[in-house]
Amino acid sequence: MKWYIDVIKQYAVFTGRARRTEYWMYALFYVIGLAVLGLIEGVLGLPSVLTSLYSLGLLLPSIGVGIRRLHDIDRTGWWMLLGLTCIGTIVLIIFFIQDSTPGDNQYGPNPKGA
């Protein structure tokens, strides 16, 4: 949960680097939040207003952590545009799984430390 809150605190930060753990823990709690809200809407018979608001509210943090994750593997944030295509989403998942570039890169120091 700490990783999720940390990403939300960096609401619109698109600079720096994000470790794999930070990205995937945020993604996990994001999906859990969507599932819980979807379940609540289903049980109460509501339209998908809550999930839509949740997704819209976390759009910028999601883009920000994705860009920082790409920076961690020494790629520009423009690669996030691949997510607009089906095949591109698979490529992004492969990028997000990769390990950090060792040491410093053009986007900052390695968040793993020394």
N, C-alpha and C. Protein backbone atom coordinates (compact mmCIF):
# COMPACT_ATOMS: atom_id res chain seq x y z
N MET A 1 0.82 -1.20 0.00
CA MET A 1 0.00 0.00 0.00
C MET A 1 0.86 1.26 0.00
N LYS A 2 2.05 1.16 0.60
CA LYS A 2 2.96 2.29 0.65
C LYS A 2 3.32 2.77 -0.76
N TRP A 3 3.56 1.83 -1.66
CA TRP A 3 3.93 2.19 -3.04
C TRP A 3 2.79 2.92 -3.73
N TYR A 4 1.58 2.49 -3.49
CA TYR A 4 0.40 3.09 -4.10
C TYR A 4 0.25 4.55 -3.64
N ILE A 5 0.38 4.75 -2.35
CA ILE A 5 0.27 6.11 -1.78
C ILE A 5 1.41 6.99 -2.29
N ASP A 6 2.62 6.44 -2.38
CA ASP A 6 3.76 7.23 -2.87
C ASP A 6 3.54 7.71 -4.30
N VAL A 7 2.97 6.85 -5.15
CA VAL A 7 2.69 7.25 -6.52
C VAL A 7 1.63 8.35 -6.55
N ILE A 8 0.60 8.22 -5.72
CA ILE A 8 -0.45 9.24 -5.69
C ILE A 8 0.10 10.56 -5.16
N LYS A 9 1.04 10.51 -4.22
CA LYS A 9 1.66 11.75 -3.72
C LYS A 9 2.43 12.46 -4.82
N GLN A 10 2.98 11.69 -5.76
CA GLN A 10 3.70 12.28 -6.90
C GLN A 10 2.73 12.40 -8.07
N TYR A 11 1.61 13.05 -7.83
CA TYR A 11 0.45 13.05 -8.72
C TYR A 11 0.79 13.28 -10.19
N ALA A 12 1.52 14.33 -10.49
CA ALA A 12 1.83 14.65 -11.88
C ALA A 12 3.33 14.81 -12.08
N VAL A 13 4.11 13.93 -11.48
CA VAL A 13 5.57 13.97 -11.64
C VAL A 13 5.95 13.04 -12.77
N PHE A 14 6.53 13.62 -13.81
CA PHE A 14 6.91 12.84 -14.99
C PHE A 14 8.42 12.76 -15.16
N THR A 15 9.16 13.20 -14.16
CA THR A 15 10.61 13.15 -14.22
C THR A 15 11.12 12.16 -13.19
N GLY A 16 12.32 11.69 -13.39
CA GLY A 16 12.92 10.75 -12.45
C GLY A 16 12.71 9.32 -12.89
N ARG A 17 12.93 8.40 -11.97
CA ARG A 17 12.87 6.98 -12.27
C ARG A 17 12.02 6.26 -11.24
N ALA A 18 11.37 5.17 -11.67
CA ALA A 18 10.54 4.36 -10.77
C ALA A 18 10.97 2.90 -10.90
N ARG A 19 11.18 2.26 -9.77
CA ARG A 19 11.57 0.85 -9.77
C ARG A 19 10.41 -0.03 -10.22
N ARG A 20 10.75 -1.27 -10.56
CA ARG A 20 9.71 -2.24 -10.93
C ARG A 20 8.71 -2.42 -9.80
N THR A 21 9.22 -2.51 -8.58
CA THR A 21 8.33 -2.72 -7.43
C THR A 21 7.32 -1.59 -7.32
N GLU A 22 7.78 -0.36 -7.47
CA GLU A 22 6.88 0.79 -7.36
C GLU A 22 5.78 0.70 -8.43
N TYR A 23 6.15 0.40 -9.65
CA TYR A 23 5.17 0.34 -10.74
C TYR A 23 4.17 -0.80 -10.52
N TRP A 24 4.67 -2.00 -10.25
CA TRP A 24 3.78 -3.16 -10.18
C TRP A 24 2.93 -3.17 -8.91
N MET A 25 3.44 -2.64 -7.81
CA MET A 25 2.60 -2.55 -6.61
C MET A 25 1.49 -1.51 -6.80
N TYR A 26 1.81 -0.41 -7.48
CA TYR A 26 0.77 0.57 -7.82
C TYR A 26 -0.28 -0.08 -8.72
N ALA A 27 0.16 -0.80 -9.74
CA ALA A 27 -0.76 -1.45 -10.66
C ALA A 27 -1.65 -2.46 -9.93
N LEU A 28 -1.07 -3.21 -9.00
CA LEU A 28 -1.85 -4.19 -8.24
C LEU A 28 -2.96 -3.52 -7.44
N PHE A 29 -2.62 -2.49 -6.70
CA PHE A 29 -3.63 -1.82 -5.87
C PHE A 29 -4.63 -1.04 -6.72
N TYR A 30 -4.21 -0.56 -7.89
CA TYR A 30 -5.13 0.10 -8.81
C TYR A 30 -6.19 -0.89 -9.29
N VAL A 31 -5.76 -2.08 -9.68
CA VAL A 31 -6.70 -3.10 -10.15
C VAL A 31 -7.60 -3.58 -9.01
N ILE A 32 -7.04 -3.74 -7.82
CA ILE A 32 -7.86 -4.13 -6.66
C ILE A 32 -8.92 -3.07 -6.40
N GLY A 33 -8.55 -1.80 -6.47
CA GLY A 33 -9.52 -0.71 -6.28
C GLY A 33 -10.62 -0.75 -7.33
N LEU A 34 -10.25 -0.99 -8.59
CA LEU A 34 -11.26 -1.11 -9.64
C LEU A 34 -12.20 -2.28 -9.39
N ALA A 35 -11.64 -3.41 -8.96
CA ALA A 35 -12.46 -4.60 -8.70
C ALA A 35 -13.44 -4.35 -7.56
N VAL A 36 -12.97 -3.74 -6.49
CA VAL A 36 -13.83 -3.47 -5.34
C VAL A 36 -14.95 -2.51 -5.74
N LEU A 37 -14.60 -1.44 -6.44
CA LEU A 37 -15.63 -0.49 -6.87
C LEU A 37 -16.61 -1.14 -7.85
N GLY A 38 -16.10 -1.97 -8.75
CA GLY A 38 -16.97 -2.68 -9.68
C GLY A 38 -17.92 -3.62 -8.97
N LEU A 39 -17.42 -4.28 -7.92
CA LEU A 39 -18.25 -5.17 -7.12
C LEU A 39 -19.35 -4.39 -6.40
N ILE A 40 -18.97 -3.27 -5.82
CA ILE A 40 -19.95 -2.42 -5.13
C ILE A 40 -21.02 -1.94 -6.10
N GLU A 41 -20.58 -1.50 -7.28
CA GLU A 41 -21.56 -1.04 -8.28
C GLU A 41 -22.47 -2.18 -8.73
N GLY A 42 -21.91 -3.36 -8.88
CA GLY A 42 -22.71 -4.51 -9.29
C GLY A 42 -23.74 -4.91 -8.25
N VAL A 43 -23.33 -4.93 -6.99
CA VAL A 43 -24.24 -5.33 -5.91
C VAL A 43 -25.35 -4.30 -5.74
N LEU A 44 -25.01 -3.03 -5.83
CA LEU A 44 -26.01 -1.98 -5.63
C LEU A 44 -26.78 -1.65 -6.91
N GLY A 45 -26.37 -2.23 -8.03
CA GLY A 45 -27.05 -1.97 -9.29
C GLY A 45 -26.82 -0.58 -9.83
N LEU A 46 -25.67 0.00 -9.52
CA LEU A 46 -25.34 1.35 -9.98
C LEU A 46 -24.68 1.29 -11.35
N PRO A 47 -24.80 2.38 -12.12
CA PRO A 47 -24.00 2.45 -13.35
C PRO A 47 -22.52 2.60 -12.97
N SER A 48 -21.65 2.43 -13.91
CA SER A 48 -20.21 2.43 -13.59
C SER A 48 -19.65 3.84 -13.39
N VAL A 49 -20.28 4.61 -12.54
CA VAL A 49 -19.84 5.97 -12.25
C VAL A 49 -18.62 5.95 -11.33
N LEU A 50 -18.64 5.13 -10.29
CA LEU A 50 -17.53 5.09 -9.34
C LEU A 50 -16.24 4.65 -10.00
N THR A 51 -16.30 3.59 -10.80
CA THR A 51 -15.08 3.11 -11.47
C THR A 51 -14.57 4.13 -12.48
N SER A 52 -15.49 4.83 -13.14
CA SER A 52 -15.08 5.86 -14.09
C SER A 52 -14.39 7.02 -13.39
N LEU A 53 -14.95 7.46 -12.28
CA LEU A 53 -14.33 8.55 -11.52
C LEU A 53 -12.98 8.14 -10.94
N TYR A 54 -12.90 6.91 -10.46
CA TYR A 54 -11.65 6.37 -9.91
C TYR A 54 -10.57 6.34 -11.00
N SER A 55 -10.93 5.83 -12.17
CA SER A 55 -9.97 5.76 -13.28
C SER A 55 -9.55 7.15 -13.75
N LEU A 56 -10.49 8.05 -13.85
CA LEU A 56 -10.18 9.41 -14.28
C LEU A 56 -9.32 10.12 -13.25
N GLY A 57 -9.60 9.91 -11.98
CA GLY A 57 -8.83 10.55 -10.91
C GLY A 57 -7.39 10.05 -10.84
N LEU A 58 -7.18 8.82 -11.23
CA LEU A 58 -5.82 8.25 -11.18
C LEU A 58 -5.15 8.18 -12.54
N LEU A 59 -5.68 8.89 -13.53
CA LEU A 59 -5.10 8.88 -14.87
C LEU A 59 -3.69 9.48 -14.87
N LEU A 60 -3.53 10.67 -14.31
CA LEU A 60 -2.21 11.31 -14.30
C LEU A 60 -1.18 10.53 -13.47
N PRO A 61 -1.51 10.04 -12.27
CA PRO A 61 -0.52 9.23 -11.56
C PRO A 61 -0.14 7.97 -12.32
N SER A 62 -1.08 7.36 -13.03
CA SER A 62 -0.79 6.16 -13.80
C SER A 62 0.16 6.46 -14.95
N ILE A 63 -0.08 7.55 -15.64
CA ILE A 63 0.81 7.95 -16.73
C ILE A 63 2.18 8.31 -16.16
N GLY A 64 2.18 9.03 -15.05
CA GLY A 64 3.45 9.46 -14.44
C GLY A 64 4.31 8.29 -14.01
N VAL A 65 3.74 7.30 -13.34
CA VAL A 65 4.54 6.16 -12.89
C VAL A 65 4.99 5.33 -14.10
N GLY A 66 4.18 5.27 -15.15
CA GLY A 66 4.59 4.57 -16.36
C GLY A 66 5.77 5.24 -17.03
N ILE A 67 5.73 6.56 -17.11
CA ILE A 67 6.84 7.30 -17.70
C ILE A 67 8.10 7.15 -16.86
N ARG A 68 7.96 7.26 -15.54
CA ARG A 68 9.14 7.09 -14.68
C ARG A 68 9.70 5.67 -14.78
N ARG A 69 8.83 4.68 -14.96
CA ARG A 69 9.29 3.29 -15.13
C ARG A 69 10.08 3.16 -16.43
N LEU A 70 9.60 3.81 -17.51
CA LEU A 70 10.35 3.80 -18.77
C LEU A 70 11.68 4.51 -18.62
N HIS A 71 11.71 5.59 -17.86
CA HIS A 71 12.98 6.29 -17.61
C HIS A 71 13.96 5.37 -16.90
N ASP A 72 13.46 4.50 -16.05
CA ASP A 72 14.33 3.60 -15.28
C ASP A 72 15.04 2.61 -16.20
N ILE A 73 14.45 2.28 -17.33
CA ILE A 73 15.12 1.38 -18.27
C ILE A 73 15.74 2.18 -19.41
N ASP A 74 15.92 3.48 -19.19
CA ASP A 74 16.59 4.39 -20.12
C ASP A 74 15.83 4.55 -21.44
N ARG A 75 14.53 4.68 -21.35
CA ARG A 75 13.69 4.95 -22.52
C ARG A 75 12.89 6.22 -22.26
N THR A 76 12.58 6.92 -23.31
CA THR A 76 11.82 8.14 -23.19
C THR A 76 10.35 7.84 -22.85
N GLY A 77 9.69 8.79 -22.23
CA GLY A 77 8.30 8.61 -21.86
C GLY A 77 7.35 8.55 -23.05
N TRP A 78 7.80 8.98 -24.21
CA TRP A 78 6.97 8.94 -25.41
C TRP A 78 6.59 7.50 -25.78
N TRP A 79 7.33 6.52 -25.28
CA TRP A 79 6.98 5.12 -25.52
C TRP A 79 5.61 4.79 -24.94
N MET A 80 5.11 5.56 -24.00
CA MET A 80 3.79 5.32 -23.41
C MET A 80 2.69 5.39 -24.46
N LEU A 81 2.93 6.11 -25.56
CA LEU A 81 1.93 6.20 -26.61
C LEU A 81 1.67 4.85 -27.27
N LEU A 82 2.59 3.90 -27.11
CA LEU A 82 2.36 2.56 -27.64
C LEU A 82 1.14 1.91 -27.00
N GLY A 83 0.79 2.34 -25.81
CA GLY A 83 -0.36 1.79 -25.11
C GLY A 83 -1.68 2.06 -25.81
N LEU A 84 -1.66 2.91 -26.82
CA LEU A 84 -2.88 3.19 -27.57
C LEU A 84 -3.19 2.09 -28.58
N THR A 85 -2.26 1.15 -28.76
CA THR A 85 -2.48 0.03 -29.68
C THR A 85 -2.42 -1.28 -28.89
N CYS A 86 -3.01 -2.32 -29.42
CA CYS A 86 -3.01 -3.63 -28.74
C CYS A 86 -1.60 -4.21 -28.67
N ILE A 87 -0.91 -4.22 -29.79
CA ILE A 87 0.44 -4.79 -29.83
C ILE A 87 1.38 -3.93 -28.97
N GLY A 88 1.17 -2.62 -29.01
CA GLY A 88 2.00 -1.72 -28.22
C GLY A 88 1.87 -1.96 -26.73
N THR A 89 0.70 -2.35 -26.28
CA THR A 89 0.50 -2.66 -24.87
C THR A 89 1.36 -3.84 -24.45
N ILE A 90 1.47 -4.83 -25.31
CA ILE A 90 2.33 -5.98 -25.02
C ILE A 90 3.78 -5.55 -24.93
N VAL A 91 4.21 -4.68 -25.84
CA VAL A 91 5.58 -4.16 -25.82
C VAL A 91 5.82 -3.39 -24.52
N LEU A 92 4.87 -2.58 -24.09
CA LEU A 92 5.02 -1.82 -22.84
C LEU A 92 5.14 -2.76 -21.64
N ILE A 93 4.36 -3.82 -21.62
CA ILE A 93 4.45 -4.77 -20.51
C ILE A 93 5.84 -5.40 -20.47
N ILE A 94 6.38 -5.72 -21.63
CA ILE A 94 7.75 -6.27 -21.69
C ILE A 94 8.74 -5.24 -21.16
N PHE A 95 8.57 -3.98 -21.54
CA PHE A 95 9.45 -2.92 -21.03
C PHE A 95 9.34 -2.80 -19.52
N PHE A 96 8.11 -2.83 -19.00
CA PHE A 96 7.89 -2.65 -17.57
C PHE A 96 8.44 -3.81 -16.75
N ILE A 97 8.60 -4.97 -17.35
CA ILE A 97 9.14 -6.14 -16.65
C ILE A 97 10.67 -6.07 -16.56
N GLN A 98 11.30 -5.37 -17.48
CA GLN A 98 12.77 -5.32 -17.53
C GLN A 98 13.36 -4.70 -16.26
N ASP A 99 14.58 -5.13 -15.96
CA ASP A 99 15.30 -4.60 -14.80
C ASP A 99 15.82 -3.19 -15.09
N SER A 100 16.11 -2.46 -14.05
CA SER A 100 16.63 -1.09 -14.17
C SER A 100 17.96 -1.08 -14.90
N THR A 101 18.25 0.07 -15.52
CA THR A 101 19.59 0.26 -16.06
C THR A 101 20.51 0.48 -14.87
N PRO A 102 21.63 -0.25 -14.81
CA PRO A 102 22.51 -0.08 -13.66
C PRO A 102 23.14 1.33 -13.63
N GLY A 103 23.29 1.85 -12.45
CA GLY A 103 23.91 3.16 -12.27
C GLY A 103 23.00 4.30 -12.72
N ASP A 104 23.61 5.45 -12.86
CA ASP A 104 22.87 6.64 -13.28
C ASP A 104 22.62 6.59 -14.78
N ASN A 105 21.53 7.21 -15.22
CA ASN A 105 21.30 7.43 -16.64
C ASN A 105 20.85 8.86 -16.83
N GLN A 106 20.43 9.21 -18.03
CA GLN A 106 20.08 10.61 -18.31
C GLN A 106 18.87 11.10 -17.53
N TYR A 107 18.12 10.18 -16.90
CA TYR A 107 16.92 10.56 -16.17
C TYR A 107 17.14 10.65 -14.66
N GLY A 108 18.35 10.33 -14.21
CA GLY A 108 18.64 10.46 -12.79
C GLY A 108 19.36 9.26 -12.23
N PRO A 109 19.59 9.28 -10.92
CA PRO A 109 20.27 8.15 -10.28
C PRO A 109 19.35 6.94 -10.17
N ASN A 110 19.95 5.79 -10.08
CA ASN A 110 19.21 4.54 -9.94
C ASN A 110 18.47 4.53 -8.61
N PRO A 111 17.16 4.34 -8.61
CA PRO A 111 16.40 4.35 -7.35
C PRO A 111 16.71 3.16 -6.44
N LYS A 112 17.38 2.14 -6.98
CA LYS A 112 17.76 0.99 -6.15
C LYS A 112 18.92 1.34 -5.23
N GLY A 113 19.57 2.45 -5.46
CA GLY A 113 20.71 2.82 -4.64
C GLY A 113 22.01 2.39 -5.29
N ALA A 114 23.00 2.13 -4.48
CA ALA A 114 24.33 1.83 -5.01
C ALA A 114 24.39 0.54 -5.72
